[in-house]
Every structure is written in C-alpha cells, then in structure tokens.
Amino acid sequence: AVVLLCALTLLLLLFSFRRTIKPALML
C-alpha cells in the first residue's frame, strides 16, 4: 500500500503544474 501510494504520488506530480493539475486529476 505504501509503495502504491508513492507510485501514485510520482505519477500525479507529473501533472502538478498550475494549469494542468486540475484537469489531469479530474480525468
């Protein structure tokens, strides 16, 4: 579970820019 949480965090960080984070997370 911790490894999965870390992997998802790394995935989401790829889109964590001001203009992309919201639409990317919603999708």
mmCIF file of all heavy atoms, coordinates in Angstrom:
data_MODEL
# 
_entry.id   MODEL 
# 
loop_
_atom_site.group_PDB 
_atom_site.id 
_atom_site.type_symbol 
_atom_site.label_atom_id 
_atom_site.label_alt_id 
_atom_site.label_comp_id 
_atom_site.label_asym_id 
_atom_site.label_entity_id 
_atom_site.label_seq_id 
_atom_site.pdbx_PDB_ins_code 
_atom_site.Cartn_x 
_atom_site.Cartn_y 
_atom_site.Cartn_z 
_atom_site.occupancy 
_atom_site.B_iso_or_equiv 
_atom_site.pdbx_formal_charge 
_atom_site.auth_seq_id 
_atom_site.auth_comp_id 
_atom_site.auth_asym_id 
_atom_site.auth_atom_id 
_atom_site.pdbx_PDB_model_num 
ATOM 1   N N   . ALA A 1 1  ? 0.828   -1.207 0.000   1.00 0.00 ? 1  ALA A N   1 
ATOM 2   C CA  . ALA A 1 1  ? 0.000   0.000  0.000   1.00 0.00 ? 1  ALA A CA  1 
ATOM 3   C C   . ALA A 1 1  ? 0.864   1.260  0.000   1.00 0.00 ? 1  ALA A C   1 
ATOM 4   O O   . ALA A 1 1  ? 0.578   2.227  -0.716  1.00 0.00 ? 1  ALA A O   1 
ATOM 5   C CB  . ALA A 1 1  ? -0.931  -0.003 1.216   1.00 0.00 ? 1  ALA A CB  1 
ATOM 6   N N   . VAL A 1 2  ? 1.940   1.260  0.773   1.00 0.00 ? 2  VAL A N   1 
ATOM 7   C CA  . VAL A 1 2  ? 2.838   2.420  0.824   1.00 0.00 ? 2  VAL A CA  1 
ATOM 8   C C   . VAL A 1 2  ? 3.539   2.601  -0.521  1.00 0.00 ? 2  VAL A C   1 
ATOM 9   O O   . VAL A 1 2  ? 3.676   3.722  -1.029  1.00 0.00 ? 2  VAL A O   1 
ATOM 10  C CB  . VAL A 1 2  ? 3.875   2.263  1.956   1.00 0.00 ? 2  VAL A CB  1 
ATOM 11  C CG1 . VAL A 1 2  ? 4.896   3.399  1.908   1.00 0.00 ? 2  VAL A CG1 1 
ATOM 12  C CG2 . VAL A 1 2  ? 3.183   2.224  3.310   1.00 0.00 ? 2  VAL A CG2 1 
ATOM 13  N N   . VAL A 1 3  ? 3.977   1.489  -1.118  1.00 0.00 ? 3  VAL A N   1 
ATOM 14  C CA  . VAL A 1 3  ? 4.624   1.560  -2.435  1.00 0.00 ? 3  VAL A CA  1 
ATOM 15  C C   . VAL A 1 3  ? 3.652   2.098  -3.478  1.00 0.00 ? 3  VAL A C   1 
ATOM 16  O O   . VAL A 1 3  ? 4.015   2.935  -4.319  1.00 0.00 ? 3  VAL A O   1 
ATOM 17  C CB  . VAL A 1 3  ? 5.144   0.166  -2.845  1.00 0.00 ? 3  VAL A CB  1 
ATOM 18  C CG1 . VAL A 1 3  ? 5.549   0.146  -4.320  1.00 0.00 ? 3  VAL A CG1 1 
ATOM 19  C CG2 . VAL A 1 3  ? 6.341   -0.220 -1.986  1.00 0.00 ? 3  VAL A CG2 1 
ATOM 20  N N   . LEU A 1 4  ? 2.400   1.638  -3.438  1.00 0.00 ? 4  LEU A N   1 
ATOM 21  C CA  . LEU A 1 4  ? 1.387   2.127  -4.376  1.00 0.00 ? 4  LEU A CA  1 
ATOM 22  C C   . LEU A 1 4  ? 1.138   3.615  -4.161  1.00 0.00 ? 4  LEU A C   1 
ATOM 23  O O   . LEU A 1 4  ? 1.022   4.379  -5.140  1.00 0.00 ? 4  LEU A O   1 
ATOM 24  C CB  . LEU A 1 4  ? 0.090   1.342  -4.202  1.00 0.00 ? 4  LEU A CB  1 
ATOM 25  C CG  . LEU A 1 4  ? -1.091  1.767  -5.091  1.00 0.00 ? 4  LEU A CG  1 
ATOM 26  C CD1 . LEU A 1 4  ? -0.725  1.624  -6.572  1.00 0.00 ? 4  LEU A CD1 1 
ATOM 27  C CD2 . LEU A 1 4  ? -2.331  0.944  -4.778  1.00 0.00 ? 4  LEU A CD2 1 
ATOM 28  N N   . LEU A 1 5  ? 1.061   4.048  -2.903  1.00 0.00 ? 5  LEU A N   1 
ATOM 29  C CA  . LEU A 1 5  ? 0.860   5.467  -2.598  1.00 0.00 ? 5  LEU A CA  1 
ATOM 30  C C   . LEU A 1 5  ? 2.011   6.301  -3.158  1.00 0.00 ? 5  LEU A C   1 
ATOM 31  O O   . LEU A 1 5  ? 1.780   7.366  -3.761  1.00 0.00 ? 5  LEU A O   1 
ATOM 32  C CB  . LEU A 1 5  ? 0.749   5.667  -1.088  1.00 0.00 ? 5  LEU A CB  1 
ATOM 33  C CG  . LEU A 1 5  ? 0.670   7.113  -0.583  1.00 0.00 ? 5  LEU A CG  1 
ATOM 34  C CD1 . LEU A 1 5  ? -0.583  7.796  -1.125  1.00 0.00 ? 5  LEU A CD1 1 
ATOM 35  C CD2 . LEU A 1 5  ? 0.669   7.139  0.943   1.00 0.00 ? 5  LEU A CD2 1 
ATOM 36  N N   . CYS A 1 6  ? 3.224   5.840  -2.994  1.00 0.00 ? 6  CYS A N   1 
ATOM 37  C CA  . CYS A 1 6  ? 4.395   6.557  -3.511  1.00 0.00 ? 6  CYS A CA  1 
ATOM 38  C C   . CYS A 1 6  ? 4.373   6.601  -5.042  1.00 0.00 ? 6  CYS A C   1 
ATOM 39  O O   . CYS A 1 6  ? 4.679   7.634  -5.650  1.00 0.00 ? 6  CYS A O   1 
ATOM 40  C CB  . CYS A 1 6  ? 5.679   5.907  -3.028  1.00 0.00 ? 6  CYS A CB  1 
ATOM 41  S SG  . CYS A 1 6  ? 5.965   6.055  -1.253  1.00 0.00 ? 6  CYS A SG  1 
ATOM 42  N N   . ALA A 1 7  ? 4.019   5.475  -5.669  1.00 0.00 ? 7  ALA A N   1 
ATOM 43  C CA  . ALA A 1 7  ? 3.966   5.424  -7.126  1.00 0.00 ? 7  ALA A CA  1 
ATOM 44  C C   . ALA A 1 7  ? 2.907   6.373  -7.679  1.00 0.00 ? 7  ALA A C   1 
ATOM 45  O O   . ALA A 1 7  ? 3.130   7.077  -8.677  1.00 0.00 ? 7  ALA A O   1 
ATOM 46  C CB  . ALA A 1 7  ? 3.685   3.993  -7.587  1.00 0.00 ? 7  ALA A CB  1 
ATOM 47  N N   . LEU A 1 8  ? 1.732   6.414  -7.030  1.00 0.00 ? 8  LEU A N   1 
ATOM 48  C CA  . LEU A 1 8  ? 0.676   7.334  -7.457  1.00 0.00 ? 8  LEU A CA  1 
ATOM 49  C C   . LEU A 1 8  ? 1.098   8.785  -7.250  1.00 0.00 ? 8  LEU A C   1 
ATOM 50  O O   . LEU A 1 8  ? 0.794   9.652  -8.079  1.00 0.00 ? 8  LEU A O   1 
ATOM 51  C CB  . LEU A 1 8  ? -0.612  7.042  -6.693  1.00 0.00 ? 8  LEU A CB  1 
ATOM 52  C CG  . LEU A 1 8  ? -1.356  5.764  -7.090  1.00 0.00 ? 8  LEU A CG  1 
ATOM 53  C CD1 . LEU A 1 8  ? -2.538  5.517  -6.171  1.00 0.00 ? 8  LEU A CD1 1 
ATOM 54  C CD2 . LEU A 1 8  ? -1.824  5.850  -8.537  1.00 0.00 ? 8  LEU A CD2 1 
ATOM 55  N N   . THR A 1 9  ? 1.805   9.052  -6.170  1.00 0.00 ? 9  THR A N   1 
ATOM 56  C CA  . THR A 1 9  ? 2.299   10.412 -5.918  1.00 0.00 ? 9  THR A CA  1 
ATOM 57  C C   . THR A 1 9  ? 3.245   10.843 -7.036  1.00 0.00 ? 9  THR A C   1 
ATOM 58  O O   . THR A 1 9  ? 3.148   11.969 -7.552  1.00 0.00 ? 9  THR A O   1 
ATOM 59  C CB  . THR A 1 9  ? 3.026   10.480 -4.561  1.00 0.00 ? 9  THR A CB  1 
ATOM 60  O OG1 . THR A 1 9  ? 2.107   10.118 -3.524  1.00 0.00 ? 9  THR A OG1 1 
ATOM 61  C CG2 . THR A 1 9  ? 3.562   11.880 -4.303  1.00 0.00 ? 9  THR A CG2 1 
ATOM 62  N N   . LEU A 1 10 ? 4.148   9.959  -7.422  1.00 0.00 ? 10 LEU A N   1 
ATOM 63  C CA  . LEU A 1 10 ? 5.081   10.278 -8.509  1.00 0.00 ? 10 LEU A CA  1 
ATOM 64  C C   . LEU A 1 10 ? 4.334   10.491 -9.828  1.00 0.00 ? 10 LEU A C   1 
ATOM 65  O O   . LEU A 1 10 ? 4.685   11.385 -10.613 1.00 0.00 ? 10 LEU A O   1 
ATOM 66  C CB  . LEU A 1 10 ? 6.102   9.154  -8.655  1.00 0.00 ? 10 LEU A CB  1 
ATOM 67  C CG  . LEU A 1 10 ? 7.117   9.018  -7.504  1.00 0.00 ? 10 LEU A CG  1 
ATOM 68  C CD1 . LEU A 1 10 ? 7.921   7.731  -7.643  1.00 0.00 ? 10 LEU A CD1 1 
ATOM 69  C CD2 . LEU A 1 10 ? 8.049   10.228 -7.467  1.00 0.00 ? 10 LEU A CD2 1 
ATOM 70  N N   . LEU A 1 11 ? 3.302   9.675  -10.073 1.00 0.00 ? 11 LEU A N   1 
ATOM 71  C CA  . LEU A 1 11 ? 2.504   9.848  -11.292 1.00 0.00 ? 11 LEU A CA  1 
ATOM 72  C C   . LEU A 1 11 ? 1.800   11.197 -11.299 1.00 0.00 ? 11 LEU A C   1 
ATOM 73  O O   . LEU A 1 11 ? 1.860   11.938 -12.302 1.00 0.00 ? 11 LEU A O   1 
ATOM 74  C CB  . LEU A 1 11 ? 1.484   8.716  -11.408 1.00 0.00 ? 11 LEU A CB  1 
ATOM 75  C CG  . LEU A 1 11 ? 0.444   8.863  -12.535 1.00 0.00 ? 11 LEU A CG  1 
ATOM 76  C CD1 . LEU A 1 11 ? 1.115   8.759  -13.899 1.00 0.00 ? 11 LEU A CD1 1 
ATOM 77  C CD2 . LEU A 1 11 ? -0.659  7.811  -12.413 1.00 0.00 ? 11 LEU A CD2 1 
ATOM 78  N N   . LEU A 1 12 ? 1.167   11.553 -10.196 1.00 0.00 ? 12 LEU A N   1 
ATOM 79  C CA  . LEU A 1 12 ? 0.407   12.798 -10.139 1.00 0.00 ? 12 LEU A CA  1 
ATOM 80  C C   . LEU A 1 12 ? 1.307   14.026 -10.187 1.00 0.00 ? 12 LEU A C   1 
ATOM 81  O O   . LEU A 1 12 ? 0.904   15.078 -10.690 1.00 0.00 ? 12 LEU A O   1 
ATOM 82  C CB  . LEU A 1 12 ? -0.463  12.827 -8.878  1.00 0.00 ? 12 LEU A CB  1 
ATOM 83  C CG  . LEU A 1 12 ? -1.504  11.706 -8.742  1.00 0.00 ? 12 LEU A CG  1 
ATOM 84  C CD1 . LEU A 1 12 ? -2.369  11.924 -7.517  1.00 0.00 ? 12 LEU A CD1 1 
ATOM 85  C CD2 . LEU A 1 12 ? -2.363  11.590 -9.987  1.00 0.00 ? 12 LEU A CD2 1 
ATOM 86  N N   . LEU A 1 13 ? 2.520   13.887 -9.686  1.00 0.00 ? 13 LEU A N   1 
ATOM 87  C CA  . LEU A 1 13 ? 3.459   15.013 -9.725  1.00 0.00 ? 13 LEU A CA  1 
ATOM 88  C C   . LEU A 1 13 ? 3.831   15.393 -11.154 1.00 0.00 ? 13 LEU A C   1 
ATOM 89  O O   . LEU A 1 13 ? 4.243   16.533 -11.404 1.00 0.00 ? 13 LEU A O   1 
ATOM 90  C CB  . LEU A 1 13 ? 4.724   14.674 -8.934  1.00 0.00 ? 13 LEU A CB  1 
ATOM 91  C CG  . LEU A 1 13 ? 4.626   14.818 -7.415  1.00 0.00 ? 13 LEU A CG  1 
ATOM 92  C CD1 . LEU A 1 13 ? 5.878   14.275 -6.739  1.00 0.00 ? 13 LEU A CD1 1 
ATOM 93  C CD2 . LEU A 1 13 ? 4.390   16.280 -7.018  1.00 0.00 ? 13 LEU A CD2 1 
ATOM 94  N N   . LEU A 1 14 ? 3.693   14.462 -12.087 1.00 0.00 ? 14 LEU A N   1 
ATOM 95  C CA  . LEU A 1 14 ? 3.974   14.777 -13.490 1.00 0.00 ? 14 LEU A CA  1 
ATOM 96  C C   . LEU A 1 14 ? 3.023   15.838 -14.033 1.00 0.00 ? 14 LEU A C   1 
ATOM 97  O O   . LEU A 1 14 ? 3.346   16.528 -15.008 1.00 0.00 ? 14 LEU A O   1 
ATOM 98  C CB  . LEU A 1 14 ? 3.861   13.508 -14.347 1.00 0.00 ? 14 LEU A CB  1 
ATOM 99  C CG  . LEU A 1 14 ? 4.864   12.385 -14.059 1.00 0.00 ? 14 LEU A CG  1 
ATOM 100 C CD1 . LEU A 1 14 ? 4.549   11.164 -14.923 1.00 0.00 ? 14 LEU A CD1 1 
ATOM 101 C CD2 . LEU A 1 14 ? 6.290   12.861 -14.321 1.00 0.00 ? 14 LEU A CD2 1 
ATOM 102 N N   . PHE A 1 15 ? 1.851   15.964 -13.392 1.00 0.00 ? 15 PHE A N   1 
ATOM 103 C CA  . PHE A 1 15 ? 0.841   16.919 -13.870 1.00 0.00 ? 15 PHE A CA  1 
ATOM 104 C C   . PHE A 1 15 ? 0.618   18.075 -12.886 1.00 0.00 ? 15 PHE A C   1 
ATOM 105 O O   . PHE A 1 15 ? -0.339  18.829 -13.042 1.00 0.00 ? 15 PHE A O   1 
ATOM 106 C CB  . PHE A 1 15 ? -0.494  16.194 -14.094 1.00 0.00 ? 15 PHE A CB  1 
ATOM 107 C CG  . PHE A 1 15 ? -0.372  14.965 -14.937 1.00 0.00 ? 15 PHE A CG  1 
ATOM 108 C CD1 . PHE A 1 15 ? -0.307  13.712 -14.350 1.00 0.00 ? 15 PHE A CD1 1 
ATOM 109 C CD2 . PHE A 1 15 ? -0.310  15.049 -16.317 1.00 0.00 ? 15 PHE A CD2 1 
ATOM 110 C CE1 . PHE A 1 15 ? -0.200  12.567 -15.121 1.00 0.00 ? 15 PHE A CE1 1 
ATOM 111 C CE2 . PHE A 1 15 ? -0.201  13.910 -17.092 1.00 0.00 ? 15 PHE A CE2 1 
ATOM 112 C CZ  . PHE A 1 15 ? -0.144  12.661 -16.500 1.00 0.00 ? 15 PHE A CZ  1 
ATOM 113 N N   . SER A 1 16 ? 1.491   18.182 -11.874 1.00 0.00 ? 16 SER A N   1 
ATOM 114 C CA  . SER A 1 16 ? 1.226   19.137 -10.784 1.00 0.00 ? 16 SER A CA  1 
ATOM 115 C C   . SER A 1 16 ? 1.682   20.551 -11.108 1.00 0.00 ? 16 SER A C   1 
ATOM 116 O O   . SER A 1 16 ? 2.330   21.216 -10.307 1.00 0.00 ? 16 SER A O   1 
ATOM 117 C CB  . SER A 1 16 ? 1.917   18.650 -9.501  1.00 0.00 ? 16 SER A CB  1 
ATOM 118 O OG  . SER A 1 16 ? 3.322   18.607 -9.686  1.00 0.00 ? 16 SER A OG  1 
ATOM 119 N N   . PHE A 1 17 ? 1.318   21.014 -12.292 1.00 0.00 ? 17 PHE A N   1 
ATOM 120 C CA  . PHE A 1 17 ? 1.585   22.392 -12.677 1.00 0.00 ? 17 PHE A CA  1 
ATOM 121 C C   . PHE A 1 17 ? 0.275   23.166 -12.627 1.00 0.00 ? 17 PHE A C   1 
ATOM 122 O O   . PHE A 1 17 ? -0.808  22.592 -12.780 1.00 0.00 ? 17 PHE A O   1 
ATOM 123 C CB  . PHE A 1 17 ? 2.202   22.449 -14.072 1.00 0.00 ? 17 PHE A CB  1 
ATOM 124 C CG  . PHE A 1 17 ? 3.503   21.685 -14.170 1.00 0.00 ? 17 PHE A CG  1 
ATOM 125 C CD1 . PHE A 1 17 ? 3.513   20.362 -14.597 1.00 0.00 ? 17 PHE A CD1 1 
ATOM 126 C CD2 . PHE A 1 17 ? 4.694   22.283 -13.812 1.00 0.00 ? 17 PHE A CD2 1 
ATOM 127 C CE1 . PHE A 1 17 ? 4.696   19.650 -14.682 1.00 0.00 ? 17 PHE A CE1 1 
ATOM 128 C CE2 . PHE A 1 17 ? 5.894   21.571 -13.894 1.00 0.00 ? 17 PHE A CE2 1 
ATOM 129 C CZ  . PHE A 1 17 ? 5.889   20.260 -14.320 1.00 0.00 ? 17 PHE A CZ  1 
ATOM 130 N N   . ARG A 1 18 ? 0.373   24.432 -12.443 1.00 0.00 ? 18 ARG A N   1 
ATOM 131 C CA  . ARG A 1 18 ? -0.796  25.254 -12.137 1.00 0.00 ? 18 ARG A CA  1 
ATOM 132 C C   . ARG A 1 18 ? -1.929  25.074 -13.165 1.00 0.00 ? 18 ARG A C   1 
ATOM 133 O O   . ARG A 1 18 ? -3.098  24.984 -12.805 1.00 0.00 ? 18 ARG A O   1 
ATOM 134 C CB  . ARG A 1 18 ? -0.378  26.718 -12.052 1.00 0.00 ? 18 ARG A CB  1 
ATOM 135 C CG  . ARG A 1 18 ? -1.488  27.632 -11.549 1.00 0.00 ? 18 ARG A CG  1 
ATOM 136 C CD  . ARG A 1 18 ? -0.982  29.022 -11.263 1.00 0.00 ? 18 ARG A CD  1 
ATOM 137 N NE  . ARG A 1 18 ? -2.030  29.865 -10.702 1.00 0.00 ? 18 ARG A NE  1 
ATOM 138 C CZ  . ARG A 1 18 ? -2.358  29.896 -9.425  1.00 0.00 ? 18 ARG A CZ  1 
ATOM 139 N NH1 . ARG A 1 18 ? -1.719  29.121 -8.576  1.00 0.00 ? 18 ARG A NH1 1 
ATOM 140 N NH2 . ARG A 1 18 ? -3.312  30.680 -8.982  1.00 0.00 ? 18 ARG A NH2 1 
ATOM 141 N N   . ARG A 1 19 ? -1.590  24.997 -14.446 1.00 0.00 ? 19 ARG A N   1 
ATOM 142 C CA  . ARG A 1 19 ? -2.623  24.932 -15.481 1.00 0.00 ? 19 ARG A CA  1 
ATOM 143 C C   . ARG A 1 19 ? -3.061  23.501 -15.808 1.00 0.00 ? 19 ARG A C   1 
ATOM 144 O O   . ARG A 1 19 ? -4.077  23.304 -16.470 1.00 0.00 ? 19 ARG A O   1 
ATOM 145 C CB  . ARG A 1 19 ? -2.122  25.608 -16.753 1.00 0.00 ? 19 ARG A CB  1 
ATOM 146 C CG  . ARG A 1 19 ? -1.920  27.117 -16.606 1.00 0.00 ? 19 ARG A CG  1 
ATOM 147 C CD  . ARG A 1 19 ? -1.538  27.737 -17.935 1.00 0.00 ? 19 ARG A CD  1 
ATOM 148 N NE  . ARG A 1 19 ? -1.390  29.185 -17.831 1.00 0.00 ? 19 ARG A NE  1 
ATOM 149 C CZ  . ARG A 1 19 ? -1.070  29.991 -18.844 1.00 0.00 ? 19 ARG A CZ  1 
ATOM 150 N NH1 . ARG A 1 19 ? -0.853  29.446 -20.039 1.00 0.00 ? 19 ARG A NH1 1 
ATOM 151 N NH2 . ARG A 1 19 ? -0.949  31.290 -18.655 1.00 0.00 ? 19 ARG A NH2 1 
ATOM 152 N N   . THR A 1 20 ? -2.295  22.531 -15.373 1.00 0.00 ? 20 THR A N   1 
ATOM 153 C CA  . THR A 1 20 ? -2.621  21.146 -15.756 1.00 0.00 ? 20 THR A CA  1 
ATOM 154 C C   . THR A 1 20 ? -3.120  20.287 -14.607 1.00 0.00 ? 20 THR A C   1 
ATOM 155 O O   . THR A 1 20 ? -3.760  19.257 -14.850 1.00 0.00 ? 20 THR A O   1 
ATOM 156 C CB  . THR A 1 20 ? -1.377  20.460 -16.357 1.00 0.00 ? 20 THR A CB  1 
ATOM 157 O OG1 . THR A 1 20 ? -0.308  20.460 -15.388 1.00 0.00 ? 20 THR A OG1 1 
ATOM 158 C CG2 . THR A 1 20 ? -0.917  21.185 -17.621 1.00 0.00 ? 20 THR A CG2 1 
ATOM 159 N N   . ILE A 1 21 ? -2.840  20.673 -13.380 1.00 0.00 ? 21 ILE A N   1 
ATOM 160 C CA  . ILE A 1 21 ? -3.118  19.781 -12.258 1.00 0.00 ? 21 ILE A CA  1 
ATOM 161 C C   . ILE A 1 21 ? -4.607  19.475 -12.115 1.00 0.00 ? 21 ILE A C   1 
ATOM 162 O O   . ILE A 1 21 ? -4.995  18.313 -11.903 1.00 0.00 ? 21 ILE A O   1 
ATOM 163 C CB  . ILE A 1 21 ? -2.534  20.349 -10.941 1.00 0.00 ? 21 ILE A CB  1 
ATOM 164 C CG1 . ILE A 1 21 ? -2.726  19.328 -9.815  1.00 0.00 ? 21 ILE A CG1 1 
ATOM 165 C CG2 . ILE A 1 21 ? -3.127  21.716 -10.593 1.00 0.00 ? 21 ILE A CG2 1 
ATOM 166 C CD1 . ILE A 1 21 ? -1.975  19.683 -8.553  1.00 0.00 ? 21 ILE A CD1 1 
ATOM 167 N N   . LYS A 1 22 ? -5.455  20.489 -12.245 1.00 0.00 ? 22 LYS A N   1 
ATOM 168 C CA  . LYS A 1 22 ? -6.887  20.248 -12.053 1.00 0.00 ? 22 LYS A CA  1 
ATOM 169 C C   . LYS A 1 22 ? -7.485  19.360 -13.147 1.00 0.00 ? 22 LYS A C   1 
ATOM 170 O O   . LYS A 1 22 ? -8.111  18.329 -12.842 1.00 0.00 ? 22 LYS A O   1 
ATOM 171 C CB  . LYS A 1 22 ? -7.631  21.576 -11.949 1.00 0.00 ? 22 LYS A CB  1 
ATOM 172 C CG  . LYS A 1 22 ? -7.444  22.290 -10.621 1.00 0.00 ? 22 LYS A CG  1 
ATOM 173 C CD  . LYS A 1 22 ? -8.351  23.500 -10.533 1.00 0.00 ? 22 LYS A CD  1 
ATOM 174 C CE  . LYS A 1 22 ? -8.231  24.191 -9.187  1.00 0.00 ? 22 LYS A CE  1 
ATOM 175 N NZ  . LYS A 1 22 ? -9.150  25.343 -9.062  1.00 0.00 ? 22 LYS A NZ  1 
ATOM 176 N N   . PRO A 1 23 ? -7.337  19.710 -14.434 1.00 0.00 ? 23 PRO A N   1 
ATOM 177 C CA  . PRO A 1 23 ? -7.925  18.833 -15.469 1.00 0.00 ? 23 PRO A CA  1 
ATOM 178 C C   . PRO A 1 23 ? -7.335  17.428 -15.465 1.00 0.00 ? 23 PRO A C   1 
ATOM 179 O O   . PRO A 1 23 ? -8.045  16.451 -15.704 1.00 0.00 ? 23 PRO A O   1 
ATOM 180 C CB  . PRO A 1 23 ? -7.619  19.570 -16.790 1.00 0.00 ? 23 PRO A CB  1 
ATOM 181 C CG  . PRO A 1 23 ? -6.569  20.567 -16.462 1.00 0.00 ? 23 PRO A CG  1 
ATOM 182 C CD  . PRO A 1 23 ? -6.757  20.932 -15.030 1.00 0.00 ? 23 PRO A CD  1 
ATOM 183 N N   . ALA A 1 24 ? -6.024  17.312 -15.170 1.00 0.00 ? 24 ALA A N   1 
ATOM 184 C CA  . ALA A 1 24 ? -5.396  15.990 -15.136 1.00 0.00 ? 24 ALA A CA  1 
ATOM 185 C C   . ALA A 1 24 ? -5.958  15.145 -14.000 1.00 0.00 ? 24 ALA A C   1 
ATOM 186 O O   . ALA A 1 24 ? -6.283  13.961 -14.195 1.00 0.00 ? 24 ALA A O   1 
ATOM 187 C CB  . ALA A 1 24 ? -3.882  16.135 -14.990 1.00 0.00 ? 24 ALA A CB  1 
ATOM 188 N N   . LEU A 1 25 ? -6.090  15.727 -12.815 1.00 0.00 ? 25 LEU A N   1 
ATOM 189 C CA  . LEU A 1 25 ? -6.629  14.988 -11.677 1.00 0.00 ? 25 LEU A CA  1 
ATOM 190 C C   . LEU A 1 25 ? -8.089  14.610 -11.901 1.00 0.00 ? 25 LEU A C   1 
ATOM 191 O O   . LEU A 1 25 ? -8.511  13.493 -11.575 1.00 0.00 ? 25 LEU A O   1 
ATOM 192 C CB  . LEU A 1 25 ? -6.493  15.808 -10.398 1.00 0.00 ? 25 LEU A CB  1 
ATOM 193 C CG  . LEU A 1 25 ? -5.083  15.934 -9.811  1.00 0.00 ? 25 LEU A CG  1 
ATOM 194 C CD1 . LEU A 1 25 ? -5.098  16.830 -8.577  1.00 0.00 ? 25 LEU A CD1 1 
ATOM 195 C CD2 . LEU A 1 25 ? -4.517  14.566 -9.459  1.00 0.00 ? 25 LEU A CD2 1 
ATOM 196 N N   . MET A 1 26 ? -8.860  15.523 -12.473 1.00 0.00 ? 26 MET A N   1 
ATOM 197 C CA  . MET A 1 26 ? -10.273 15.231 -12.730 1.00 0.00 ? 26 MET A CA  1 
ATOM 198 C C   . MET A 1 26 ? -10.417 14.067 -13.705 1.00 0.00 ? 26 MET A C   1 
ATOM 199 O O   . MET A 1 26 ? -11.245 13.169 -13.507 1.00 0.00 ? 26 MET A O   1 
ATOM 200 C CB  . MET A 1 26 ? -10.960 16.486 -13.269 1.00 0.00 ? 26 MET A CB  1 
ATOM 201 C CG  . MET A 1 26 ? -11.086 17.606 -12.227 1.00 0.00 ? 26 MET A CG  1 
ATOM 202 S SD  . MET A 1 26 ? -11.535 19.217 -12.935 1.00 0.00 ? 26 MET A SD  1 
ATOM 203 C CE  . MET A 1 26 ? -13.203 18.865 -13.500 1.00 0.00 ? 26 MET A CE  1 
ATOM 204 N N   . LEU A 1 27 ? -9.597  14.051 -14.752 1.00 0.00 ? 27 LEU A N   1 
ATOM 205 C CA  . LEU A 1 27 ? -9.633  12.963 -15.717 1.00 0.00 ? 27 LEU A CA  1 
ATOM 206 C C   . LEU A 1 27 ? -9.216  11.647 -15.066 1.00 0.00 ? 27 LEU A C   1 
ATOM 207 O O   . LEU A 1 27 ? -9.859  10.606 -15.273 1.00 0.00 ? 27 LEU A O   1 
ATOM 208 C CB  . LEU A 1 27 ? -8.714  13.281 -16.894 1.00 0.00 ? 27 LEU A CB  1 
ATOM 209 C CG  . LEU A 1 27 ? -8.608  12.208 -17.988 1.00 0.00 ? 27 LEU A CG  1 
ATOM 210 C CD1 . LEU A 1 27 ? -9.970  11.947 -18.615 1.00 0.00 ? 27 LEU A CD1 1 
ATOM 211 C CD2 . LEU A 1 27 ? -7.597  12.631 -19.058 1.00 0.00 ? 27 LEU A CD2 1 
# 
